[in-house]
Amino acid sequence: MKKLASLLLASSLILGLAACGNSAANNPGGESQAPASSEAAGGQDSSEPIRIALTAPLTGNLSQYGESFQNTVELACKQWNEKGGVLGRTVELSIEDTAGDSAQAATVAQKVVSDDTIFAQVGDFNTACCLAAQPIYDGAGMIQISPTCSAINFAVGSKWSFECLGTQDVQGEFMAQWAYDSGARKVAILYLNSDWGISVDQGFAKAFEALGGEIVIEEPYNDGETDFSAALTKMRETSPDALYIACYYNDGAAINIQRETLGWDIPVYHPGTVYSTDFLSIGGTAVEGVYTNVGFYPDDPTPAAAAFIEEYNALYGTDPDYYGACAYDAFNVLMEAIERAGELDSEKVRDELAATSGYEGVSGSITFDANGDAKKSYIKLTVKDGAYAVVR
């Protein structure tokens, strides 16, 4: 009976997602499909859908995150439509691939703002794409809500920009306190040389030094770099107590494998960007014992997350990840803001979004500060026996 119930739930979800989707990603021609009427998204004709653009890295090195974004936002869209939509109107998605590339993200943003049937945008995943697209959304007066851009210079850069992950200053304080409380007094930092990586480095370093700790070396590496042995050897010579690595899951796995090859056994801390099954499968024994953080963990869900996990698992046959949970929340807080505004007026919806406080999302409680940055709490995780485990 339980298996039959799961199959029925998955079937109904698939039908709902098919009804919700209206994306360039699903359009062989590659162009967004406009609704039947040419009326702008700001109109009040209830026969027209509310169209939201989702931009994400559906191809390229970050495609696992993009797939997670698409899965969870399509699920949220389906759920809203099953409840009668928003303001009595159905919700549609226009899904665009940025490939994690800033130039492509800017091109996509131009396409989105040029389509007057699109009301707002959810995305992108990484800082480079969000910052490249920001001036375009800002100039158009379009809401830009990123599930995962944690750079301290993002949300503050436009009144139309919001992020649902929490800044690297906040995450940096959390990870620095954890390392310091665990006995580390000297830390070496290896970071991706990008806007995001620099933000992570600075957030951790500032917090760790404020606690009385010392950053003995800060070593950047470039995107696409594959040989980290020289950097690791250089860092090892500074005799740190712990290593903090600001990277995504693919680089993180490679760096830890090379660290293991060098025979360097040291406590390793990462930001939440390594929270991925690929990090575990690629890294193998080299990532055993490393530390990271998330705001959402499916094996230890809050009541708000339990139903989400069940529906996602029934549909996709696996648990959602942290970044997908953030995308789900980003879409939902936007829909809630539209409902409270009572009409598709960008200024009114933007103000309602800014007023979001204590929203119990699946990735944790969300309150936006004056800049549009989410105030979040985090869960400590480590890798144990090839799987993530909560650190109590």
Protein backbone atom coordinates (compact mmCIF):
# COMPACT_ATOMS: atom_id res chain seq x y z
CA MET A 1 0.00 0.00 0.00
CA LYS A 2 2.80 2.43 0.87
CA LYS A 3 4.49 1.79 -2.48
CA LEU A 4 1.18 2.30 -4.31
CA ALA A 5 0.57 5.58 -2.45
CA SER A 6 4.03 6.79 -3.40
CA LEU A 7 3.43 5.93 -7.05
CA LEU A 8 0.09 7.75 -7.06
CA LEU A 9 1.69 10.80 -5.41
CA ALA A 10 4.51 10.83 -7.97
CA SER A 11 2.01 10.53 -10.85
CA SER A 12 -0.04 13.46 -9.61
CA LEU A 13 3.10 15.54 -9.12
CA ILE A 14 4.32 14.84 -12.65
CA LEU A 15 0.98 15.94 -14.09
CA GLY A 16 1.08 19.09 -11.98
CA LEU A 17 4.60 19.94 -13.08
CA ALA A 18 3.68 19.48 -16.73
CA ALA A 19 0.83 21.94 -16.24
CA CYS A 20 3.07 24.44 -14.45
CA GLY A 21 6.05 24.46 -16.80
CA ASN A 22 6.24 26.98 -19.64
CA SER A 23 9.95 27.28 -20.17
CA ALA A 24 12.56 27.97 -22.79
CA ALA A 25 14.37 24.94 -21.38
CA ASN A 26 11.46 22.75 -22.50
CA ASN A 27 10.98 24.56 -25.81
CA PRO A 28 12.97 23.04 -28.70
CA GLY A 29 13.17 26.47 -30.34
CA GLY A 30 14.91 27.87 -27.27
CA GLU A 31 12.58 30.88 -26.99
CA SER A 32 10.28 31.67 -24.08
CA GLN A 33 6.67 30.85 -24.93
CA ALA A 34 4.43 33.87 -24.42
CA PRO A 35 0.87 33.40 -23.18
CA ALA A 36 -1.99 33.77 -25.63
CA SER A 37 -2.61 37.43 -24.81
CA SER A 38 0.09 40.04 -25.30
CA GLU A 39 -1.00 41.90 -22.14
CA ALA A 40 1.92 42.86 -19.89
CA ALA A 41 2.60 40.94 -16.68
CA GLY A 42 1.58 43.97 -14.66
CA GLY A 43 -1.99 43.79 -15.98
CA GLN A 44 -4.87 42.56 -13.86
CA ASP A 45 -6.63 40.27 -16.36
CA SER A 46 -7.17 37.13 -14.29
CA SER A 47 -7.24 35.01 -17.44
CA GLU A 48 -3.54 35.65 -17.94
CA PRO A 49 -0.89 33.71 -15.98
CA ILE A 50 1.69 35.30 -13.71
CA ARG A 51 5.00 34.52 -15.38
CA ILE A 52 8.21 34.23 -13.36
CA ALA A 53 11.67 33.75 -14.90
CA LEU A 54 13.92 31.14 -13.31
CA THR A 55 17.57 31.53 -14.33
CA ALA A 56 20.04 28.82 -13.36
CA PRO A 57 23.14 26.89 -14.55
CA LEU A 58 21.37 24.02 -16.30
CA THR A 59 24.57 23.14 -18.18
CA GLY A 60 28.25 23.42 -17.30
CA ASN A 61 30.18 22.67 -14.12
CA LEU A 62 27.40 23.91 -11.84
CA SER A 63 24.58 22.05 -13.56
CA GLN A 64 23.77 19.92 -10.51
CA TYR A 65 22.74 23.10 -8.72
CA GLY A 66 20.72 24.27 -11.72
CA GLU A 67 18.85 20.99 -11.91
CA SER A 68 18.06 21.27 -8.20
CA PHE A 69 16.77 24.84 -8.71
CA GLN A 70 14.52 23.75 -11.56
CA ASN A 71 13.14 20.72 -9.72
CA THR A 72 12.20 22.57 -6.55
CA VAL A 73 10.82 25.71 -8.20
CA GLU A 74 8.67 23.63 -10.55
CA LEU A 75 7.37 21.77 -7.50
CA ALA A 76 6.57 25.05 -5.70
CA CYS A 77 4.85 26.39 -8.81
CA LYS A 78 2.71 23.25 -9.05
CA GLN A 79 1.72 23.54 -5.40
CA TRP A 80 0.59 27.15 -5.80
CA ASN A 81 -1.47 26.29 -8.87
CA GLU A 82 -3.11 23.41 -7.03
CA LYS A 83 -4.20 25.91 -4.38
CA GLY A 84 -5.80 28.13 -7.01
CA GLY A 85 -2.77 30.09 -8.10
CA VAL A 86 -1.77 33.56 -6.91
CA LEU A 87 -4.33 36.38 -6.93
CA GLY A 88 -6.61 33.88 -8.63
CA ARG A 89 -4.21 33.47 -11.55
CA THR A 90 -2.12 30.48 -12.56
CA VAL A 91 1.66 30.76 -12.29
CA GLU A 92 4.02 29.88 -15.14
CA LEU A 93 7.78 29.59 -15.32
CA SER A 94 10.13 30.78 -18.03
CA ILE A 95 13.29 28.75 -17.42
CA GLU A 96 16.59 30.04 -18.79
CA ASP A 97 20.06 28.47 -18.75
CA THR A 98 22.97 30.73 -17.77
CA ALA A 99 25.51 27.87 -17.66
CA GLY A 100 27.07 29.55 -14.61
CA ASP A 101 28.65 32.11 -16.97
CA SER A 102 28.40 35.82 -16.19
CA ALA A 103 28.27 36.94 -19.83
CA GLN A 104 25.48 34.48 -20.57
CA ALA A 105 23.67 35.58 -17.41
CA ALA A 106 23.68 39.18 -18.66
CA THR A 107 22.34 38.05 -22.04
CA VAL A 108 19.59 36.06 -20.33
CA ALA A 109 18.71 39.04 -18.14
CA GLN A 110 18.30 41.22 -21.23
CA LYS A 111 15.98 38.60 -22.70
CA VAL A 112 13.94 38.40 -19.49
CA VAL A 113 13.41 42.14 -19.04
CA SER A 114 12.55 42.50 -22.74
CA ASP A 115 9.61 40.12 -22.25
CA ASP A 116 6.84 42.25 -20.75
CA THR A 117 4.84 39.16 -19.79
CA ILE A 118 7.46 38.30 -17.12
CA PHE A 119 6.87 39.89 -13.73
CA ALA A 120 9.94 38.90 -11.67
CA GLN A 121 13.06 36.75 -11.71
CA VAL A 122 14.31 33.99 -9.39
CA GLY A 123 18.03 33.15 -9.66
CA ASP A 124 20.89 32.88 -10.29
CA PHE A 125 23.03 30.38 -8.40
CA ASN A 126 26.49 31.98 -8.27
CA THR A 127 27.67 35.47 -7.43
CA ALA A 128 29.24 36.22 -10.82
CA CYS A 129 25.96 35.60 -12.64
CA CYS A 130 23.88 37.52 -10.10
CA LEU A 131 26.15 40.56 -10.20
CA ALA A 132 26.38 40.56 -14.00
CA ALA A 133 22.60 40.49 -14.31
CA GLN A 134 21.86 42.91 -11.46
CA PRO A 135 22.24 46.23 -13.36
CA ILE A 136 19.85 44.95 -16.02
CA TYR A 137 17.11 43.94 -13.59
CA ASP A 138 17.71 47.12 -11.60
CA GLY A 139 17.35 49.29 -14.69
CA ALA A 140 14.09 47.56 -15.57
CA GLY A 141 12.73 47.80 -12.02
CA MET A 142 12.30 44.01 -11.91
CA ILE A 143 12.55 42.00 -8.70
CA GLN A 144 15.65 39.79 -8.64
CA ILE A 145 15.66 37.21 -5.86
CA SER A 146 18.61 34.83 -5.67
CA PRO A 147 18.24 31.67 -3.63
CA THR A 148 21.99 31.36 -3.04
CA CYS A 149 24.03 34.50 -3.78
CA SER A 150 25.82 35.15 -0.49
CA ALA A 151 28.23 37.91 -1.53
CA ILE A 152 28.06 40.92 0.77
CA ASN A 153 27.96 43.34 -2.19
CA PHE A 154 24.97 41.76 -3.96
CA ALA A 155 21.64 42.60 -2.29
CA VAL A 156 22.89 46.00 -1.15
CA GLY A 157 23.58 46.89 -4.78
CA SER A 158 19.93 47.32 -5.81
CA LYS A 159 16.64 47.88 -4.06
CA TRP A 160 15.20 45.19 -6.36
CA SER A 161 17.71 42.50 -5.28
CA PHE A 162 17.22 39.95 -2.48
CA GLU A 163 19.01 36.76 -1.43
CA CYS A 164 17.79 33.81 0.67
CA LEU A 165 21.03 32.17 1.83
CA GLY A 166 22.57 34.73 4.16
CA THR A 167 25.76 36.66 3.43
CA GLN A 168 29.28 35.34 3.73
CA ASP A 169 29.81 37.68 6.67
CA VAL A 170 27.15 35.76 8.61
CA GLN A 171 28.30 32.34 7.40
CA GLY A 172 31.91 33.35 7.95
CA GLU A 173 31.15 34.19 11.59
CA PHE A 174 29.46 30.81 12.03
CA MET A 175 32.34 28.82 10.54
CA ALA A 176 35.04 30.92 12.24
CA GLN A 177 33.39 30.44 15.63
CA TRP A 178 33.15 26.69 15.00
CA ALA A 179 36.83 26.40 14.06
CA TYR A 180 37.90 28.55 17.02
CA ASP A 181 35.73 26.62 19.49
CA SER A 182 37.28 23.40 18.15
CA GLY A 183 40.75 24.62 19.14
CA ALA A 184 42.08 26.20 15.95
CA ARG A 185 44.14 29.34 16.51
CA LYS A 186 45.99 29.50 13.18
CA VAL A 187 44.08 28.92 9.92
CA ALA A 188 45.21 28.78 6.29
CA ILE A 189 42.65 29.79 3.64
CA LEU A 190 42.49 28.53 0.05
CA TYR A 191 39.83 30.31 -1.98
CA LEU A 192 38.43 30.56 -5.50
CA ASN A 193 39.60 33.85 -7.02
CA SER A 194 36.15 35.23 -7.83
CA ASP A 195 33.77 37.77 -6.32
CA TRP A 196 32.17 34.97 -4.33
CA GLY A 197 35.46 33.35 -3.25
CA ILE A 198 36.94 36.66 -2.11
CA SER A 199 33.77 37.35 -0.14
CA VAL A 200 34.00 33.95 1.57
CA ASP A 201 37.68 34.47 2.37
CA GLN A 202 37.12 37.91 3.83
CA GLY A 203 34.02 36.90 5.79
CA PHE A 204 35.81 34.05 7.52
CA ALA A 205 39.12 35.87 8.02
CA LYS A 206 37.53 38.96 9.57
CA ALA A 207 35.47 36.88 12.00
CA PHE A 208 38.32 34.54 12.94
CA GLU A 209 40.73 37.41 13.64
CA ALA A 210 38.07 39.16 15.73
CA LEU A 211 37.99 36.05 17.94
CA GLY A 212 41.75 36.32 18.47
CA GLY A 213 42.80 33.81 15.84
CA GLU A 214 45.44 34.27 13.15
CA ILE A 215 45.13 33.77 9.39
CA VAL A 216 48.61 32.53 8.47
CA ILE A 217 48.11 32.52 4.69
CA GLU A 218 45.38 33.36 2.16
CA GLU A 219 46.01 31.62 -1.16
CA PRO A 220 43.76 32.17 -4.22
CA TYR A 221 43.27 29.75 -7.09
CA ASN A 222 41.70 30.38 -10.50
CA ASP A 223 38.53 28.92 -11.93
CA GLY A 224 39.42 25.89 -14.05
CA GLU A 225 42.62 25.17 -12.14
CA THR A 226 43.16 21.45 -11.50
CA ASP A 227 46.58 21.14 -9.85
CA PHE A 228 46.50 22.38 -6.26
CA SER A 229 49.58 20.56 -4.97
CA ALA A 230 51.89 23.60 -5.04
CA ALA A 231 49.37 25.78 -3.20
CA LEU A 232 48.72 23.07 -0.62
CA THR A 233 52.44 22.53 -0.06
CA LYS A 234 52.95 26.27 0.42
CA MET A 235 50.10 26.43 2.91
CA ARG A 236 51.32 23.40 4.80
CA GLU A 237 54.66 25.13 5.42
CA THR A 238 52.87 27.81 7.49
CA SER A 239 51.90 25.13 10.07
CA PRO A 240 48.21 25.99 10.47
CA ASP A 241 45.88 24.26 12.93
CA ALA A 242 43.08 24.06 10.35
CA LEU A 243 42.40 24.67 6.68
CA TYR A 244 39.44 26.66 5.33
CA ILE A 245 38.68 26.05 1.64
CA ALA A 246 36.26 28.34 -0.20
CA CYS A 247 35.20 26.36 -3.26
CA TYR A 248 32.36 24.53 -4.99
CA TYR A 249 31.87 20.78 -4.63
CA ASN A 250 33.88 19.74 -7.71
CA ASP A 251 36.98 21.76 -6.80
CA GLY A 252 36.55 20.81 -3.15
CA ALA A 253 36.71 17.12 -3.95
CA ALA A 254 39.82 17.56 -6.13
CA ILE A 255 41.60 19.70 -3.52
CA ASN A 256 40.95 17.20 -0.74
CA ILE A 257 42.11 14.30 -2.91
CA GLN A 258 45.40 16.10 -3.55
CA ARG A 259 45.67 17.02 0.13
CA GLU A 260 45.27 13.34 1.01
CA THR A 261 47.88 12.39 -1.61
CA LEU A 262 50.32 14.79 0.07
CA GLY A 263 49.65 13.04 3.38
CA TRP A 264 48.43 16.25 4.99
CA ASP A 265 46.04 15.28 7.79
CA ILE A 266 44.45 18.46 9.12
CA PRO A 267 40.94 19.64 10.10
CA VAL A 268 39.26 21.04 6.97
CA TYR A 269 36.33 23.46 6.94
CA HIS A 270 34.23 24.42 3.90
CA PRO A 271 31.31 26.77 3.24
CA GLY A 272 28.03 25.05 2.40
CA THR A 273 28.82 24.95 -1.34
CA VAL A 274 30.37 21.50 -0.92
CA TYR A 275 27.08 20.06 0.32
CA SER A 276 26.52 17.74 -2.64
CA THR A 277 26.38 14.00 -3.25
CA ASP A 278 28.97 14.53 -5.99
CA PHE A 279 31.39 15.94 -3.40
CA LEU A 280 31.07 12.63 -1.53
CA SER A 281 31.26 10.35 -4.56
CA ILE A 282 34.20 12.15 -6.17
CA GLY A 283 36.10 12.88 -2.96
CA GLY A 284 35.77 9.42 -1.42
CA THR A 285 38.02 8.86 1.58
CA ALA A 286 39.70 12.24 1.06
CA VAL A 287 36.60 14.13 2.24
CA GLU A 288 36.01 11.99 5.33
CA GLY A 289 35.85 14.19 8.40
CA VAL A 290 35.61 17.56 6.64
CA TYR A 291 33.23 20.15 8.09
CA THR A 292 30.59 22.30 6.40
CA ASN A 293 27.26 23.97 7.11
CA VAL A 294 23.73 24.04 5.71
CA GLY A 295 20.43 25.60 6.68
CA PHE A 296 18.49 22.53 5.54
CA TYR A 297 19.25 18.86 6.13
CA PRO A 298 16.70 16.25 4.93
CA ASP A 299 17.72 13.61 7.48
CA ASP A 300 16.89 16.02 10.32
CA PRO A 301 13.98 18.08 8.92
CA THR A 302 11.92 20.75 10.58
CA PRO A 303 8.14 20.28 10.44
CA ALA A 304 8.02 22.84 7.61
CA ALA A 305 10.45 20.75 5.56
CA ALA A 306 8.97 17.29 6.09
CA ALA A 307 6.14 17.54 3.52
CA PHE A 308 8.46 19.18 1.00
CA ILE A 309 10.96 16.33 1.32
CA GLU A 310 8.23 13.70 0.95
CA GLU A 311 6.81 15.25 -2.23
CA TYR A 312 10.23 15.86 -3.74
CA ASN A 313 11.35 12.30 -2.99
CA ALA A 314 8.18 10.82 -4.47
CA LEU A 315 8.70 12.77 -7.68
CA TYR A 316 12.47 12.58 -8.19
CA GLY A 317 13.44 9.49 -6.21
CA THR A 318 16.00 11.32 -4.09
CA ASP A 319 16.18 13.92 -1.34
CA PRO A 320 16.35 17.62 -2.21
CA ASP A 321 19.60 19.43 -1.46
CA TYR A 322 20.17 22.61 0.49
CA TYR A 323 20.35 24.89 -2.53
CA GLY A 324 17.19 23.46 -4.00
CA ALA A 325 15.50 24.11 -0.66
CA CYS A 326 16.65 27.74 -0.84
CA ALA A 327 15.24 28.04 -4.38
CA TYR A 328 11.93 26.60 -3.18
CA ASP A 329 11.84 29.19 -0.40
CA ALA A 330 12.84 32.06 -2.71
CA PHE A 331 9.94 31.29 -5.05
CA ASN A 332 7.51 30.93 -2.16
CA VAL A 333 8.44 34.16 -0.39
CA LEU A 334 7.96 35.94 -3.73
CA MET A 335 4.50 34.39 -4.19
CA GLU A 336 3.57 35.31 -0.62
CA ALA A 337 4.66 38.91 -1.26
CA ILE A 338 2.48 39.08 -4.39
CA GLU A 339 -0.48 37.76 -2.40
CA ARG A 340 0.02 40.36 0.34
CA ALA A 341 0.42 43.17 -2.21
CA GLY A 342 -2.93 42.21 -3.70
CA GLU A 343 -1.90 43.16 -7.22
CA LEU A 344 0.95 42.78 -9.72
CA ASP A 345 2.55 46.10 -8.91
CA SER A 346 6.35 45.80 -8.79
CA GLU A 347 6.84 48.52 -6.16
CA LYS A 348 4.15 47.12 -3.87
CA VAL A 349 5.40 43.54 -4.22
CA ARG A 350 8.99 44.67 -3.67
CA ASP A 351 7.96 46.43 -0.45
CA GLU A 352 6.05 43.37 0.77
CA LEU A 353 9.06 41.19 -0.02
CA ALA A 354 11.33 43.54 1.94
CA ALA A 355 8.93 43.28 4.89
CA THR A 356 9.24 39.47 5.03
CA SER A 357 9.97 38.51 8.64
CA GLY A 358 9.99 35.13 10.34
CA TYR A 359 8.91 33.22 7.24
CA GLU A 360 9.24 29.54 8.16
CA GLY A 361 10.77 28.11 5.01
CA VAL A 362 12.14 24.64 4.41
CA SER A 363 15.69 26.05 4.52
CA GLY A 364 15.04 27.79 7.84
CA SER A 365 13.38 30.96 9.03
CA ILE A 366 13.79 33.93 6.66
CA THR A 367 13.85 37.59 7.64
CA PHE A 368 15.22 40.16 5.22
CA ASP A 369 17.36 42.97 6.59
CA ALA A 370 17.39 46.51 5.21
CA ASN A 371 19.73 45.45 2.38
CA GLY A 372 17.60 42.51 1.24
CA ASP A 373 19.92 39.90 2.78
CA ALA A 374 18.34 36.98 4.60
CA LYS A 375 19.13 36.44 8.25
CA LYS A 376 19.56 32.68 8.58
CA SER A 377 20.72 30.04 11.03
CA TYR A 378 22.91 27.08 10.10
CA ILE A 379 23.43 23.40 10.88
CA LYS A 380 26.89 21.90 11.43
CA LEU A 381 27.68 18.91 9.20
CA THR A 382 30.63 16.56 8.82
CA VAL A 383 31.33 13.68 6.45
CA LYS A 384 31.21 10.34 8.23
CA ASP A 385 31.38 6.92 6.54
CA GLY A 386 30.77 8.45 3.13
CA ALA A 387 27.69 10.44 4.15
CA TYR A 388 26.83 13.76 5.76
CA ALA A 389 26.07 13.72 9.46
CA VAL A 390 24.94 16.41 11.90
CA VAL A 391 27.52 17.60 14.41
CA ARG A 392 25.75 18.06 17.75
